[in-house]
Amino acid sequence: MDVLNYKCPSCGAPLRFDSNTQKLACSSCGNEYDPVALEQLGREDDEKKDSFSFEGYSGEEMTEGVVYTCPSCGGEIIGDENTVAAKCPYCDNPTVMSGNVSGIFRPDFVIPFKLTKDDAKKKLLEHYKGKVLMPKSFKDENKINEIKGIYVPFWLFDADADASASYRATRTFTWSDRNYIYTRTDHFSVYREGEAHFEHVPVDGSTKMDDATMEAIEPFDLTAAVPFGSSYLAGYLADKYDVDEKASEPRVGQRMKTSMEDYLRSSVKGYATVSRQRSAANTKNGKAVYALLPVWLLNTKYKGETYTFAMNGQTGKFVGNLPCDKGKFWGMFLGIAAAIAAPIVALLTFVL
């Protein structure tokens, strides 16, 4: 399997994709290169077999993973069969396992990182704000153990969908005269059906990623997607998909069905109560493209437990669970209970 290093054509130092400039930057001489132009230069030089060619090495399978050889220093990079991009632990060179982004594993599109590691740190601190039940020591004492910028494999589905649903609904009217209060409840059978076209509904194609977390950091702005080039991966981690398009269809089908049900339900208005009796949804003309989308993952440890947070590397949407201070929780609960009970006690005292 080919292993590539992107090196500066001027000085030979490693290149990394800069999310601020959207270019490949050399930390040594300061030169910057357009990723598309550099990909073309690499292909031309590879044909000439000169010093800028992308030298290939084979990955050696091991019991616990796959060992890749760094083209720059010859050091061993430990990954697995799905590893697409990593950094050499010896020379820190960004490395791309090009064999894992070729053929059926070559993405159609990539959304380049827009936000940096520092942005992820700031978002974590913002995430702490207003969390009154979070232990104070969590923010003061815990340390960020790891921050990783990862290109996560996603399938982006297009499909046509149709759905129908029936509901039971009621309207209630109340009036009174000098002697009685009257209530009339009218019952209705409500039916809705509709059609929709879905475009680029994302489903992550990696078993390493938690599906709920990946859905929580949506949406991605897919208008910013560009044709895939492996140079965009330089300086980040990446995996190829290990859940293929076919295996992802049930999940995306359920997402579309849920969206259709919510849409139909939102059209049932003007009733006091609404309960769904039946629903059905179908999809057709489905197709998918394969893309790598940017995600920052942050890990922290607190009292022996690991807490993982995720940030959309394009939009900055941030998610993650925080520990709860049980003392604060019960104190707040009892305070609310006391506040509710006080008027009741006062009312009983007055009545008695």
Protein backbone atom coordinates (compact mmCIF):
# COMPACT_ATOMS: atom_id res chain seq x y z
CA MET A 1 0.00 0.00 0.00
CA ASP A 2 1.40 3.41 -0.97
CA VAL A 3 2.28 5.79 1.87
CA LEU A 4 2.68 9.45 0.95
CA ASN A 5 4.34 12.46 2.55
CA TYR A 6 3.53 15.92 1.23
CA LYS A 7 6.76 17.89 1.19
CA CYS A 8 7.53 21.46 0.26
CA PRO A 9 8.83 21.64 -3.34
CA SER A 10 11.13 24.50 -2.26
CA CYS A 11 12.83 23.17 0.87
CA GLY A 12 11.60 19.61 1.39
CA ALA A 13 10.00 20.25 4.79
CA PRO A 14 6.60 18.71 5.61
CA LEU A 15 3.45 20.45 4.42
CA ARG A 16 0.26 20.70 6.49
CA PHE A 17 -3.16 21.88 5.45
CA ASP A 18 -3.86 25.27 7.07
CA SER A 19 -7.57 25.66 7.86
CA ASN A 20 -7.21 29.46 8.05
CA THR A 21 -5.73 29.98 4.60
CA GLN A 22 -7.18 26.79 3.04
CA LYS A 23 -3.72 26.11 1.63
CA LEU A 24 -0.87 23.70 2.30
CA ALA A 25 1.70 25.56 4.39
CA CYS A 26 5.39 24.89 4.99
CA SER A 27 6.41 25.59 8.58
CA SER A 28 10.06 25.87 7.52
CA CYS A 29 10.23 28.32 4.62
CA GLY A 30 6.71 29.74 4.93
CA ASN A 31 5.63 28.97 1.38
CA GLU A 32 1.98 28.14 0.74
CA TYR A 33 0.52 25.97 -1.99
CA ASP A 34 -2.94 25.50 -3.44
CA PRO A 35 -4.02 21.89 -2.77
CA VAL A 36 -5.36 21.35 -6.30
CA ALA A 37 -2.21 22.71 -7.92
CA LEU A 38 0.00 20.66 -5.63
CA GLU A 39 -1.91 17.48 -6.44
CA GLN A 40 -1.25 18.14 -10.13
CA LEU A 41 2.42 18.88 -9.49
CA GLY A 42 2.72 15.66 -7.52
CA ARG A 43 1.22 13.63 -10.35
CA GLU A 44 3.55 15.19 -12.90
CA ASP A 45 6.63 14.66 -10.73
CA ASP A 46 5.57 11.14 -9.91
CA GLU A 47 5.59 10.37 -13.62
CA LYS A 48 9.13 11.81 -13.87
CA LYS A 49 10.27 9.77 -10.81
CA ASP A 50 12.17 12.74 -9.38
CA SER A 51 12.71 13.73 -5.74
CA PHE A 52 9.15 15.00 -5.30
CA SER A 53 7.51 11.74 -6.28
CA PHE A 54 5.24 10.11 -3.73
CA GLU A 55 7.32 7.15 -2.67
CA GLY A 56 5.40 3.96 -2.00
CA TYR A 57 5.74 1.47 0.83
CA SER A 58 3.72 -1.57 1.73
CA GLY A 59 1.82 -1.89 4.97
CA GLU A 60 2.70 -4.95 7.03
CA GLU A 61 -0.20 -6.57 8.85
CA MET A 62 0.18 -7.31 12.54
CA THR A 63 -2.01 -9.04 15.08
CA GLU A 64 -3.21 -5.76 16.58
CA GLY A 65 -3.06 -3.53 13.52
CA VAL A 66 -1.11 -2.56 10.45
CA VAL A 67 2.40 -1.08 10.39
CA TYR A 68 3.06 1.58 7.76
CA THR A 69 6.56 2.84 6.96
CA CYS A 70 7.14 6.59 6.95
CA PRO A 71 8.65 7.65 3.58
CA SER A 72 10.64 10.43 5.30
CA CYS A 73 12.42 8.70 8.19
CA GLY A 74 11.57 5.02 7.83
CA GLY A 75 9.81 4.97 11.21
CA GLU A 76 6.87 2.69 11.89
CA ILE A 77 3.37 4.17 11.97
CA ILE A 78 0.87 1.93 13.72
CA GLY A 79 -2.65 2.04 12.31
CA ASP A 80 -5.28 -0.37 11.09
CA GLU A 81 -6.68 -1.45 7.77
CA ASN A 82 -8.96 1.61 7.67
CA THR A 83 -6.31 4.25 8.42
CA VAL A 84 -6.14 6.90 5.72
CA ALA A 85 -4.07 9.69 7.30
CA ALA A 86 -1.81 9.87 10.35
CA LYS A 87 1.36 11.52 11.65
CA CYS A 88 4.69 9.77 12.01
CA PRO A 89 5.46 9.48 15.76
CA TYR A 90 9.18 9.92 15.05
CA CYS A 91 9.53 12.79 12.56
CA ASP A 92 5.96 14.18 12.95
CA ASN A 93 5.48 14.18 9.19
CA PRO A 94 1.84 14.07 8.00
CA THR A 95 1.35 10.80 6.14
CA VAL A 96 -1.40 9.62 3.81
CA MET A 97 -2.05 5.94 3.12
CA SER A 98 -3.07 6.50 -0.48
CA GLY A 99 -4.11 2.89 -1.05
CA ASN A 100 -7.02 3.45 1.32
CA VAL A 101 -8.34 6.36 -0.79
CA SER A 102 -8.18 4.67 -4.16
CA GLY A 103 -10.66 2.67 -6.20
CA ILE A 104 -13.98 2.18 -4.39
CA PHE A 105 -12.50 3.85 -1.31
CA ARG A 106 -11.71 7.12 -3.07
CA PRO A 107 -14.06 9.82 -1.72
CA ASP A 108 -16.03 11.92 -4.16
CA PHE A 109 -15.78 15.03 -2.00
CA VAL A 110 -14.09 16.48 1.06
CA ILE A 111 -15.03 19.43 3.23
CA PRO A 112 -11.74 20.96 4.37
CA PHE A 113 -11.28 21.94 8.02
CA LYS A 114 -12.29 25.55 8.68
CA LEU A 115 -11.62 25.62 12.43
CA THR A 116 -8.41 24.97 14.33
CA LYS A 117 -7.36 23.08 17.43
CA ASP A 118 -7.44 26.36 19.38
CA ASP A 119 -11.03 26.91 18.26
CA ALA A 120 -11.90 23.48 19.67
CA LYS A 121 -10.32 24.38 23.02
CA LYS A 122 -12.31 27.63 23.17
CA LYS A 123 -15.54 25.83 22.34
CA LEU A 124 -14.92 23.39 25.18
CA LEU A 125 -14.63 26.25 27.65
CA GLU A 126 -17.81 27.81 26.23
CA HIS A 127 -19.51 24.43 26.62
CA TYR A 128 -18.82 24.60 30.37
CA LYS A 129 -20.62 27.94 30.77
CA GLY A 130 -24.07 27.90 32.33
CA LYS A 131 -23.79 24.25 33.41
CA VAL A 132 -24.81 24.84 37.04
CA LEU A 133 -24.74 21.14 37.94
CA MET A 134 -21.20 20.59 36.65
CA PRO A 135 -18.64 20.09 39.46
CA LYS A 136 -16.43 23.17 39.78
CA SER A 137 -13.39 20.94 40.06
CA PHE A 138 -14.09 19.45 36.61
CA LYS A 139 -13.20 22.72 34.93
CA ASP A 140 -10.44 23.64 37.39
CA GLU A 141 -8.64 20.31 37.65
CA ASN A 142 -9.22 18.23 34.54
CA LYS A 143 -6.81 18.39 31.63
CA ILE A 144 -7.40 17.88 27.94
CA ASN A 145 -5.65 14.60 27.23
CA GLU A 146 -6.06 14.57 23.48
CA ILE A 147 -7.37 16.73 20.66
CA LYS A 148 -7.62 15.07 17.25
CA GLY A 149 -8.69 16.53 13.95
CA ILE A 150 -10.27 13.65 12.02
CA TYR A 151 -11.78 13.38 8.59
CA VAL A 152 -14.72 11.07 9.21
CA PRO A 153 -16.11 9.01 6.32
CA PHE A 154 -19.74 9.84 5.49
CA TRP A 155 -22.26 8.65 2.94
CA LEU A 156 -24.42 11.47 1.56
CA PHE A 157 -27.74 10.14 0.29
CA ASP A 158 -30.23 11.56 -2.21
CA ALA A 159 -33.69 9.99 -2.48
CA ASP A 160 -37.34 10.65 -3.19
CA ALA A 161 -39.77 9.85 -0.39
CA ASP A 162 -43.51 9.65 0.04
CA ALA A 163 -45.40 9.26 3.29
CA SER A 164 -48.89 9.16 4.71
CA ALA A 165 -50.30 9.31 8.22
CA SER A 166 -53.64 9.31 9.97
CA TYR A 167 -54.42 11.03 13.27
CA ARG A 168 -57.15 11.30 15.83
CA ALA A 169 -57.72 14.89 16.89
CA THR A 170 -60.06 16.77 19.20
CA ARG A 171 -61.38 20.28 19.72
CA THR A 172 -62.94 21.27 23.04
CA PHE A 173 -65.49 24.02 23.65
CA THR A 174 -66.61 25.25 27.07
CA TRP A 175 -69.50 27.57 27.98
CA SER A 176 -71.77 28.15 30.94
CA ASP A 177 -75.12 29.47 32.01
CA ARG A 178 -76.43 30.45 35.45
CA ASN A 179 -76.56 26.85 36.63
CA TYR A 180 -74.01 24.77 34.75
CA ILE A 181 -70.66 24.71 33.01
CA TYR A 182 -70.80 22.79 29.72
CA THR A 183 -67.97 21.11 27.80
CA ARG A 184 -68.24 19.69 24.32
CA THR A 185 -65.47 17.66 22.71
CA ASP A 186 -65.52 17.14 18.94
CA HIS A 187 -63.51 14.22 17.52
CA PHE A 188 -61.88 14.22 14.09
CA SER A 189 -60.11 11.77 11.83
CA VAL A 190 -57.27 13.61 10.07
CA TYR A 191 -55.30 12.27 7.11
CA ARG A 192 -52.12 13.63 5.58
CA GLU A 193 -49.87 12.53 2.75
CA GLY A 194 -46.96 14.12 0.98
CA GLU A 195 -43.82 13.74 -1.11
CA ALA A 196 -40.32 15.11 -0.67
CA HIS A 197 -36.90 15.01 -2.28
CA PHE A 198 -33.95 14.63 0.06
CA GLU A 199 -30.45 15.70 -0.87
CA HIS A 200 -27.18 14.81 0.80
CA VAL A 201 -28.57 13.30 4.01
CA PRO A 202 -25.39 12.32 5.91
CA VAL A 203 -24.71 8.97 7.57
CA ASP A 204 -21.27 8.30 9.03
CA GLY A 205 -19.59 5.22 7.60
CA SER A 206 -17.24 4.43 10.49
CA THR A 207 -17.89 1.96 13.29
CA LYS A 208 -15.40 3.92 15.41
CA MET A 209 -17.69 6.95 15.53
CA ASP A 210 -20.78 7.14 17.72
CA ASP A 211 -23.73 7.62 15.36
CA ALA A 212 -25.70 9.82 17.75
CA THR A 213 -22.69 12.12 18.26
CA MET A 214 -22.07 12.46 14.54
CA GLU A 215 -25.72 13.35 13.97
CA ALA A 216 -25.63 15.85 16.85
CA ILE A 217 -22.86 17.95 15.25
CA GLU A 218 -24.79 18.34 11.99
CA PRO A 219 -25.43 20.15 9.77
CA PHE A 220 -22.43 20.51 7.50
CA ASP A 221 -22.49 23.16 4.79
CA LEU A 222 -22.14 20.91 1.77
CA THR A 223 -21.85 23.85 -0.62
CA ALA A 224 -18.27 24.12 0.67
CA ALA A 225 -17.40 20.57 -0.43
CA VAL A 226 -14.62 20.28 -3.01
CA PRO A 227 -13.52 17.35 -5.19
CA PHE A 228 -11.37 15.01 -3.12
CA GLY A 229 -7.62 15.43 -3.06
CA SER A 230 -5.43 13.61 -0.55
CA SER A 231 -3.40 16.79 0.12
CA TYR A 232 -6.34 18.14 2.18
CA LEU A 233 -5.62 15.38 4.70
CA ALA A 234 -2.05 16.50 5.43
CA GLY A 235 -1.70 17.17 9.15
CA TYR A 236 -4.94 15.44 10.17
CA LEU A 237 -6.13 11.92 10.86
CA ALA A 238 -8.55 10.11 8.58
CA ASP A 239 -10.18 6.73 8.15
CA LYS A 240 -11.87 5.09 5.20
CA TYR A 241 -15.36 3.73 5.60
CA ASP A 242 -15.94 0.30 7.13
CA VAL A 243 -19.75 0.56 6.82
CA ASP A 244 -20.57 0.50 3.12
CA GLU A 245 -23.37 2.25 1.26
CA LYS A 246 -25.71 -0.74 1.36
CA ALA A 247 -25.29 -1.25 5.10
CA SER A 248 -26.01 2.46 5.68
CA GLU A 249 -29.34 2.45 3.84
CA PRO A 250 -31.52 1.37 6.82
CA ARG A 251 -30.21 4.26 8.92
CA VAL A 252 -30.72 6.90 6.28
CA GLY A 253 -34.12 5.42 5.47
CA GLN A 254 -35.16 5.82 9.11
CA ARG A 255 -33.90 9.41 9.16
CA MET A 256 -35.94 10.24 6.07
CA LYS A 257 -39.01 8.50 7.48
CA THR A 258 -38.73 10.43 10.74
CA SER A 259 -38.37 13.71 8.84
CA MET A 260 -41.47 12.94 6.76
CA GLU A 261 -43.49 12.01 9.86
CA ASP A 262 -42.46 15.23 11.61
CA TYR A 263 -43.34 17.27 8.53
CA LEU A 264 -46.79 15.72 8.19
CA ARG A 265 -47.46 16.11 11.91
CA SER A 266 -46.51 19.80 11.76
CA SER A 267 -49.28 20.36 9.21
CA VAL A 268 -52.01 19.18 11.62
CA LYS A 269 -52.95 22.42 13.35
CA GLY A 270 -55.88 23.96 15.18
CA TYR A 271 -56.71 21.01 17.42
CA ALA A 272 -56.56 20.64 21.21
CA THR A 273 -55.07 17.15 21.04
CA VAL A 274 -53.54 15.10 18.23
CA SER A 275 -52.47 11.45 18.38
CA ARG A 276 -51.00 9.53 15.46
CA GLN A 277 -52.81 6.30 14.59
CA ARG A 278 -50.83 5.07 11.60
CA SER A 279 -47.98 6.15 9.37
CA ALA A 280 -46.07 4.76 6.41
CA ALA A 281 -43.12 6.04 4.40
CA ASN A 282 -41.23 4.81 1.36
CA THR A 283 -38.07 5.91 -0.40
CA LYS A 284 -37.03 5.41 -4.01
CA ASN A 285 -34.41 6.54 -6.54
CA GLY A 286 -31.78 6.47 -3.81
CA LYS A 287 -28.13 7.14 -4.54
CA ALA A 288 -25.14 8.15 -2.46
CA VAL A 289 -21.76 9.85 -2.74
CA TYR A 290 -18.82 9.27 -0.46
CA ALA A 291 -17.23 12.19 1.41
CA LEU A 292 -14.79 12.93 4.21
CA LEU A 293 -16.09 15.53 6.68
CA PRO A 294 -14.07 17.40 9.35
CA VAL A 295 -14.52 16.61 13.05
CA TRP A 296 -12.51 17.58 16.13
CA LEU A 297 -12.54 15.06 18.99
CA LEU A 298 -11.45 16.06 22.49
CA ASN A 299 -10.84 13.69 25.41
CA THR A 300 -10.56 14.71 29.06
CA LYS A 301 -10.22 12.65 32.22
CA TYR A 302 -11.90 13.36 35.54
CA LYS A 303 -11.85 11.07 38.56
CA GLY A 304 -10.81 8.09 36.50
CA GLU A 305 -13.47 8.54 33.78
CA THR A 306 -12.92 9.68 30.21
CA TYR A 307 -15.23 12.31 28.72
CA THR A 308 -15.32 12.71 24.95
CA PHE A 309 -16.49 15.83 23.13
CA ALA A 310 -16.95 16.42 19.41
CA MET A 311 -16.93 19.61 17.36
CA ASN A 312 -17.95 20.12 13.76
CA GLY A 313 -14.66 21.18 12.13
CA GLN A 314 -16.49 23.44 9.71
CA THR A 315 -19.28 25.12 11.71
CA GLY A 316 -18.07 24.80 15.32
CA LYS A 317 -21.17 23.02 16.62
CA PHE A 318 -20.05 21.36 19.86
CA VAL A 319 -21.51 18.41 21.79
CA GLY A 320 -20.53 16.25 24.76
CA ASN A 321 -21.73 15.05 28.14
CA LEU A 322 -20.52 16.58 31.41
CA PRO A 323 -20.33 15.09 34.92
CA CYS A 324 -23.03 16.03 37.42
CA ASP A 325 -22.37 17.19 40.97
CA LYS A 326 -24.82 15.09 42.98
CA GLY A 327 -24.66 17.47 45.92
CA LYS A 328 -25.70 20.39 43.69
CA PHE A 329 -28.39 18.28 42.05
CA TRP A 330 -30.06 17.26 45.30
CA GLY A 331 -29.66 20.75 46.74
CA MET A 332 -31.42 22.23 43.70
CA PHE A 333 -34.09 19.51 43.74
CA LEU A 334 -34.89 20.04 47.42
CA GLY A 335 -34.89 23.81 46.94
CA ILE A 336 -37.43 23.55 44.11
CA ALA A 337 -39.52 21.09 46.12
CA ALA A 338 -39.51 23.44 49.10
CA ALA A 339 -40.50 26.40 46.91
CA ILE A 340 -43.46 24.42 45.53
CA ALA A 341 -44.50 23.07 48.93
CA ALA A 342 -44.44 26.43 50.75
CA PRO A 343 -47.61 27.91 49.12
CA ILE A 344 -49.46 24.61 49.64
CA VAL A 345 -48.58 24.56 53.34
CA ALA A 346 -49.63 28.21 53.66
CA LEU A 347 -52.95 27.47 51.95
CA LEU A 348 -53.68 24.49 54.23
CA THR A 349 -52.83 26.54 57.28
CA PHE A 350 -55.21 29.29 56.13
CA VAL A 351 -58.01 26.79 55.48
CA LEU A 352 -57.58 25.08 58.83
